[in-house]
Amino acid sequence: MKYRLTHRTLYHYAHHVGIGLHFMHLLPRARPGQLVHAATLVILPKPADRVDEQDHFGNRTSLIAQMSAHKSLDVVLHAEIEVSLPRAPEPEASMAWEETSKAAFRAPEAAEFRYPSALASPDEAIALYAAQHFPPGQPIMVGLLSLMAGIHADMAYRPGVTAVSTTAIEALKTRAGVCQDYAHLMIACLRALDLPARYVSGYLRTYPPPGETARRGADQSHAWIGAWLGPHDGWVDFDPTNNLVVHDEHVTLAWGRDFGDVSPLRGVILGGGRHSLTVEVDLQPINEEESRDAAYVSGDSGI
């Protein structure tokens, strides 16, 4: 599936900002099953300096410096992306979850995601919640589907009751929140069992496929999780907010241990006073002809 993506982040400040330094995860990464044909960030005012790099996890980052007075910051991502993630393995054919946990010790790509992080650390209540979905000998894919469905059923999707600093422990207590909270809770549950899990930020197609119900988290930044199923099956993504195994409706932006590793935009400013924030996201499928025309007109294959 080929998509055209637009993501706009607009800050308005009550007073002039004299200096601003901002760190962004706003350029989508490539991954197995995801090709980034074009990705451009348009930033106004134009930064005095900009450095594009990769972070520890391989995500694309941008560091910008605004050195002149301004009352707004407008950041727009335009991208063209092709997604076709591999199908998940048959549930009953996957490894037992205990064997997956043991294998993770010897897998450099997975080991660091077994450990607690600031927003996705398990406690006793989370460990007990997770254990009911992973009886001894359970194939890991069966357990993951059960856990995802359980979180989807037990949590109420309710914007405004949590914040970006809400932890998995708090999310389980309130049983309400948004996609970030669903993701942190599922990650913490898996880490309670010594299973590797990572936080994935990105986007969900604006309109669902024909005949499908509307998805929670469309028209905005979205979050889900990646779980490591073993050396053969590798990473598979799960969207507990929508109770979906991720295939071709999601576009990956970045991943890390939790939201703190992949915040789309953060920074410090001098001045500004109160501010307002507007975020607009549109992710639409495009056909082959439109894709070729767009590539020909832009001639762009990168930043």
Protein backbone atom coordinates (compact mmCIF):
# COMPACT_ATOMS: atom_id res chain seq x y z
CA MET A 1 0.00 0.00 0.00
CA LYS A 2 1.37 3.41 -1.00
CA TYR A 3 0.51 6.47 1.05
CA ARG A 4 0.85 10.22 0.89
CA LEU A 5 1.41 11.68 4.36
CA THR A 6 1.08 15.25 5.63
CA HIS A 7 1.75 16.10 9.28
CA ARG A 8 1.59 19.73 10.40
CA THR A 9 2.63 20.99 13.83
CA LEU A 10 1.88 24.68 14.45
CA TYR A 11 2.77 26.64 17.59
CA HIS A 12 1.45 30.17 18.16
CA TYR A 13 3.07 32.19 20.94
CA ALA A 14 1.52 35.09 22.86
CA HIS A 15 4.82 36.99 22.78
CA HIS A 16 7.92 36.88 20.64
CA VAL A 17 10.29 33.97 21.11
CA GLY A 18 13.86 35.22 20.96
CA ILE A 19 15.67 31.89 20.73
CA GLY A 20 14.35 28.36 20.18
CA LEU A 21 16.13 25.01 20.12
CA HIS A 22 14.02 22.03 19.02
CA PHE A 23 14.69 18.29 18.67
CA MET A 24 12.38 16.34 16.36
CA HIS A 25 11.47 12.80 15.42
CA LEU A 26 9.42 13.84 12.39
CA LEU A 27 11.05 12.08 9.43
CA PRO A 28 9.76 8.51 8.94
CA ARG A 29 12.29 5.71 9.10
CA ALA A 30 12.74 2.81 6.72
CA ARG A 31 12.18 -0.70 8.06
CA PRO A 32 11.56 -4.17 6.62
CA GLY A 33 8.25 -3.77 4.82
CA GLN A 34 8.35 0.05 4.76
CA LEU A 35 10.01 2.11 2.02
CA VAL A 36 10.28 5.89 2.31
CA HIS A 37 10.21 7.18 -1.27
CA ALA A 38 10.25 10.87 -0.26
CA ALA A 39 10.23 12.82 2.98
CA THR A 40 10.63 16.57 3.40
CA LEU A 41 10.32 18.85 6.43
CA VAL A 42 9.27 22.43 5.72
CA ILE A 43 10.02 24.65 8.73
CA LEU A 44 8.95 28.28 9.13
CA PRO A 45 10.63 30.50 10.14
CA LYS A 46 13.58 28.92 8.39
CA PRO A 47 16.03 27.74 11.06
CA ALA A 48 19.39 29.40 11.48
CA ASP A 49 20.87 25.92 11.73
CA ARG A 50 19.64 22.36 11.21
CA VAL A 51 21.34 19.01 11.78
CA ASP A 52 19.79 15.73 10.60
CA GLU A 53 21.14 12.53 12.17
CA GLN A 54 20.16 9.06 13.39
CA ASP A 55 19.65 8.25 17.05
CA HIS A 56 20.65 5.12 18.98
CA PHE A 57 17.62 3.22 17.66
CA GLY A 58 18.19 4.16 14.02
CA ASN A 59 15.42 6.78 13.96
CA ARG A 60 15.85 9.93 11.87
CA THR A 61 16.19 13.06 13.98
CA SER A 62 16.37 16.79 13.27
CA LEU A 63 17.86 19.41 15.58
CA ILE A 64 17.02 23.01 14.67
CA ALA A 65 18.01 26.38 16.09
CA GLN A 66 15.83 29.49 15.73
CA MET A 67 17.92 32.57 16.48
CA SER A 68 15.61 35.41 15.39
CA ALA A 69 12.40 36.69 17.00
CA HIS A 70 9.23 34.85 15.97
CA LYS A 71 5.64 34.38 17.20
CA SER A 72 4.93 31.04 15.53
CA LEU A 73 6.68 27.81 14.62
CA ASP A 74 5.25 25.86 11.69
CA VAL A 75 6.65 22.39 10.90
CA VAL A 76 5.14 20.40 8.02
CA LEU A 77 6.14 16.89 6.97
CA HIS A 78 5.37 15.78 3.42
CA ALA A 79 6.14 12.14 2.67
CA GLU A 80 5.40 9.32 0.28
CA ILE A 81 5.71 5.87 1.80
CA GLU A 82 5.07 2.29 0.73
CA VAL A 83 4.03 -0.21 3.40
CA SER A 84 3.71 -3.99 3.25
CA LEU A 85 4.80 -5.49 6.54
CA PRO A 86 5.26 -9.27 6.61
CA ARG A 87 2.29 -11.27 7.82
CA ALA A 88 2.43 -12.42 11.42
CA PRO A 89 3.07 -16.14 12.01
CA GLU A 90 0.26 -18.56 12.70
CA PRO A 91 -0.43 -18.23 16.43
CA GLU A 92 -0.17 -21.91 17.32
CA ALA A 93 3.05 -22.28 15.31
CA SER A 94 4.97 -19.62 17.24
CA MET A 95 7.52 -20.37 19.97
CA ALA A 96 6.48 -20.88 23.56
CA TRP A 97 6.76 -17.55 25.32
CA GLU A 98 9.29 -18.88 27.85
CA GLU A 99 11.59 -19.95 25.01
CA THR A 100 11.25 -16.53 23.43
CA SER A 101 12.27 -14.92 26.71
CA LYS A 102 15.38 -17.10 26.93
CA ALA A 103 16.31 -16.41 23.30
CA ALA A 104 16.08 -12.65 23.88
CA PHE A 105 19.16 -12.75 26.13
CA ARG A 106 21.23 -13.73 23.09
CA ALA A 107 19.59 -11.35 20.59
CA PRO A 108 21.27 -7.91 20.43
CA GLU A 109 18.32 -6.43 18.51
CA ALA A 110 15.90 -7.42 21.28
CA ALA A 111 17.73 -7.60 24.61
CA GLU A 112 17.61 -3.90 25.54
CA PHE A 113 13.82 -3.81 25.10
CA ARG A 114 13.31 -6.33 27.92
CA TYR A 115 14.17 -3.82 30.63
CA PRO A 116 11.95 -1.26 32.41
CA SER A 117 11.91 2.32 31.17
CA ALA A 118 10.56 5.52 32.67
CA LEU A 119 7.03 5.21 31.26
CA ALA A 120 6.77 1.45 30.73
CA SER A 121 7.92 -0.25 33.94
CA PRO A 122 5.90 -3.13 35.40
CA ASP A 123 4.81 -3.49 39.01
CA GLU A 124 3.13 -6.42 40.77
CA ALA A 125 -0.34 -5.48 39.48
CA ILE A 126 0.91 -5.34 35.89
CA ALA A 127 2.74 -8.67 36.30
CA LEU A 128 -0.46 -10.32 37.55
CA TYR A 129 -2.47 -8.77 34.72
CA ALA A 130 0.03 -10.07 32.16
CA ALA A 131 0.30 -13.57 33.62
CA GLN A 132 -3.35 -14.40 32.96
CA HIS A 133 -2.66 -14.18 29.22
CA PHE A 134 0.53 -16.26 29.28
CA PRO A 135 0.01 -19.62 31.01
CA PRO A 136 3.00 -22.01 30.95
CA GLY A 137 3.86 -23.25 27.47
CA GLN A 138 1.56 -20.80 25.69
CA PRO A 139 2.70 -19.98 22.12
CA ILE A 140 3.83 -16.38 22.26
CA MET A 141 1.59 -15.23 19.40
CA VAL A 142 -1.45 -16.69 21.18
CA GLY A 143 -0.49 -14.83 24.34
CA LEU A 144 0.10 -11.57 22.49
CA LEU A 145 -3.28 -11.70 20.79
CA SER A 146 -4.95 -12.45 24.12
CA LEU A 147 -3.13 -9.62 25.91
CA MET A 148 -3.89 -7.13 23.13
CA ALA A 149 -7.59 -8.05 23.15
CA GLY A 150 -7.67 -7.83 26.94
CA ILE A 151 -6.17 -4.34 27.04
CA HIS A 152 -8.47 -3.23 24.23
CA ALA A 153 -11.50 -4.46 26.22
CA ASP A 154 -10.38 -3.29 29.66
CA MET A 155 -9.25 0.23 28.71
CA ALA A 156 -11.62 3.06 27.80
CA TYR A 157 -10.40 5.33 24.99
CA ARG A 158 -10.77 8.73 26.63
CA PRO A 159 -8.66 11.71 25.49
CA GLY A 160 -7.81 14.26 28.15
CA VAL A 161 -7.60 12.00 31.22
CA THR A 162 -3.87 11.28 30.87
CA ALA A 163 -0.74 13.20 29.87
CA VAL A 164 2.46 12.41 28.00
CA SER A 165 4.05 11.70 31.40
CA THR A 166 1.45 9.07 32.41
CA THR A 167 3.07 5.72 33.21
CA ALA A 168 1.87 2.20 32.48
CA ILE A 169 1.23 1.69 36.20
CA GLU A 170 -1.06 4.72 36.26
CA ALA A 171 -2.79 3.63 33.04
CA LEU A 172 -3.71 0.25 34.54
CA LYS A 173 -5.14 1.98 37.62
CA THR A 174 -7.29 4.44 35.65
CA ARG A 175 -8.20 1.94 32.89
CA ALA A 176 -8.59 4.92 30.53
CA GLY A 177 -6.44 6.96 28.20
CA VAL A 178 -5.24 7.24 24.62
CA CYS A 179 -3.04 5.21 22.30
CA GLN A 180 0.14 6.07 24.20
CA ASP A 181 -1.34 4.62 27.40
CA TYR A 182 -2.54 1.43 25.69
CA ALA A 183 0.94 0.97 24.23
CA HIS A 184 2.82 1.62 27.48
CA LEU A 185 0.59 -0.82 29.36
CA MET A 186 1.10 -3.61 26.82
CA ILE A 187 4.86 -3.00 26.77
CA ALA A 188 5.08 -3.11 30.57
CA CYS A 189 3.06 -6.34 30.64
CA LEU A 190 5.50 -8.02 28.26
CA ARG A 191 8.54 -6.73 30.14
CA ALA A 192 7.07 -8.20 33.34
CA LEU A 193 7.53 -11.58 31.61
CA ASP A 194 11.05 -10.74 30.35
CA LEU A 195 9.71 -10.43 26.81
CA PRO A 196 11.15 -7.67 24.56
CA ALA A 197 8.71 -4.93 23.58
CA ARG A 198 9.24 -1.52 22.02
CA TYR A 199 7.14 1.64 21.61
CA VAL A 200 6.33 2.54 18.00
CA SER A 201 5.17 6.00 16.97
CA GLY A 202 3.61 6.75 13.62
CA TYR A 203 0.34 7.18 11.81
CA LEU A 204 -2.84 5.31 10.97
CA ARG A 205 -4.57 5.75 7.63
CA THR A 206 -7.17 8.51 7.85
CA TYR A 207 -10.02 6.38 6.51
CA PRO A 208 -10.21 2.61 7.14
CA PRO A 209 -10.34 0.08 4.29
CA PRO A 210 -13.79 -0.38 2.70
CA GLY A 211 -16.11 -2.30 4.98
CA GLU A 212 -13.98 -1.75 8.09
CA THR A 213 -14.95 0.26 11.16
CA ALA A 214 -13.33 3.63 11.93
CA ARG A 215 -10.01 3.36 13.74
CA ARG A 216 -9.11 5.15 16.95
CA GLY A 217 -6.11 7.38 16.50
CA ALA A 218 -6.59 8.40 12.87
CA ASP A 219 -6.02 12.06 11.90
CA GLN A 220 -3.34 12.41 14.59
CA SER A 221 -0.07 10.92 15.73
CA HIS A 222 -0.60 7.30 16.75
CA ALA A 223 1.27 4.74 18.85
CA TRP A 224 1.40 0.96 19.09
CA ILE A 225 3.93 -1.68 20.14
CA GLY A 226 6.43 -4.03 18.61
CA ALA A 227 6.96 -7.45 20.21
CA TRP A 228 9.89 -9.77 19.50
CA LEU A 229 8.69 -13.29 18.73
CA GLY A 230 12.06 -15.00 18.51
CA PRO A 231 15.00 -15.32 16.11
CA HIS A 232 12.86 -16.78 13.31
CA ASP A 233 9.78 -14.53 13.38
CA GLY A 234 11.51 -11.38 14.65
CA TRP A 235 9.47 -8.25 15.37
CA VAL A 236 5.70 -8.10 14.91
CA ASP A 237 3.66 -4.95 15.65
CA PHE A 238 0.39 -4.86 17.60
CA ASP A 239 -2.08 -1.98 17.96
CA PRO A 240 -3.96 -2.50 21.27
CA THR A 241 -5.95 0.70 20.81
CA ASN A 242 -7.68 -0.90 17.81
CA ASN A 243 -7.04 -4.59 18.59
CA LEU A 244 -5.14 -5.01 15.31
CA VAL A 245 -2.06 -6.90 14.22
CA VAL A 246 -0.24 -4.23 12.20
CA HIS A 247 0.13 -4.91 8.48
CA ASP A 248 -0.50 -2.15 5.93
CA GLU A 249 -2.71 0.47 7.64
CA HIS A 250 0.11 1.93 9.76
CA VAL A 251 3.13 4.04 8.84
CA THR A 252 6.08 3.88 11.25
CA LEU A 253 7.79 7.12 12.25
CA ALA A 254 10.18 5.96 15.00
CA TRP A 255 10.59 3.47 17.84
CA GLY A 256 12.20 3.34 21.26
CA ARG A 257 11.72 2.07 24.80
CA ASP A 258 8.74 4.36 25.42
CA PHE A 259 7.33 7.73 24.33
CA GLY A 260 10.22 9.58 25.91
CA ASP A 261 12.61 8.20 23.28
CA VAL A 262 10.52 9.28 20.28
CA SER A 263 8.67 12.49 21.19
CA PRO A 264 7.83 14.12 17.83
CA LEU A 265 8.96 17.60 18.89
CA ARG A 266 10.48 18.91 22.10
CA GLY A 267 12.81 21.71 23.01
CA VAL A 268 13.43 24.94 24.88
CA ILE A 269 12.50 28.53 24.04
CA LEU A 270 13.43 31.93 25.44
CA GLY A 271 10.28 34.07 25.71
CA GLY A 272 6.96 33.33 24.08
CA GLY A 273 4.67 33.27 27.12
CA ARG A 274 1.52 31.22 26.66
CA HIS A 275 1.19 29.21 23.48
CA SER A 276 -1.37 27.25 21.49
CA LEU A 277 -0.69 24.05 19.56
CA THR A 278 -2.44 22.76 16.43
CA VAL A 279 -1.65 19.34 14.96
CA GLU A 280 -3.05 18.09 11.65
CA VAL A 281 -2.40 14.64 10.15
CA ASP A 282 -3.58 13.18 6.87
CA LEU A 283 -2.55 9.73 5.60
CA GLN A 284 -4.17 8.73 2.32
CA PRO A 285 -3.54 5.82 -0.06
CA ILE A 286 -2.32 6.77 -3.52
CA ASN A 287 -2.44 4.68 -6.67
CA GLU A 288 0.48 3.75 -8.88
CA GLU A 289 -0.13 6.51 -11.43
CA GLU A 290 -0.34 9.25 -8.79
CA SER A 291 2.83 7.92 -7.19
CA ARG A 292 4.79 8.08 -10.45
CA ASP A 293 3.50 11.58 -11.20
CA ALA A 294 4.45 12.84 -7.74
CA ALA A 295 7.95 11.38 -8.01
CA TYR A 296 8.44 12.91 -11.48
CA VAL A 297 7.28 16.38 -10.45
CA SER A 298 9.25 16.54 -7.20
CA GLY A 299 12.34 14.61 -8.20
CA ASP A 300 12.82 14.15 -4.47
CA SER A 301 13.94 10.94 -2.77
CA GLY A 302 14.97 12.30 0.59
CA ILE A 303 15.17 15.33 2.79
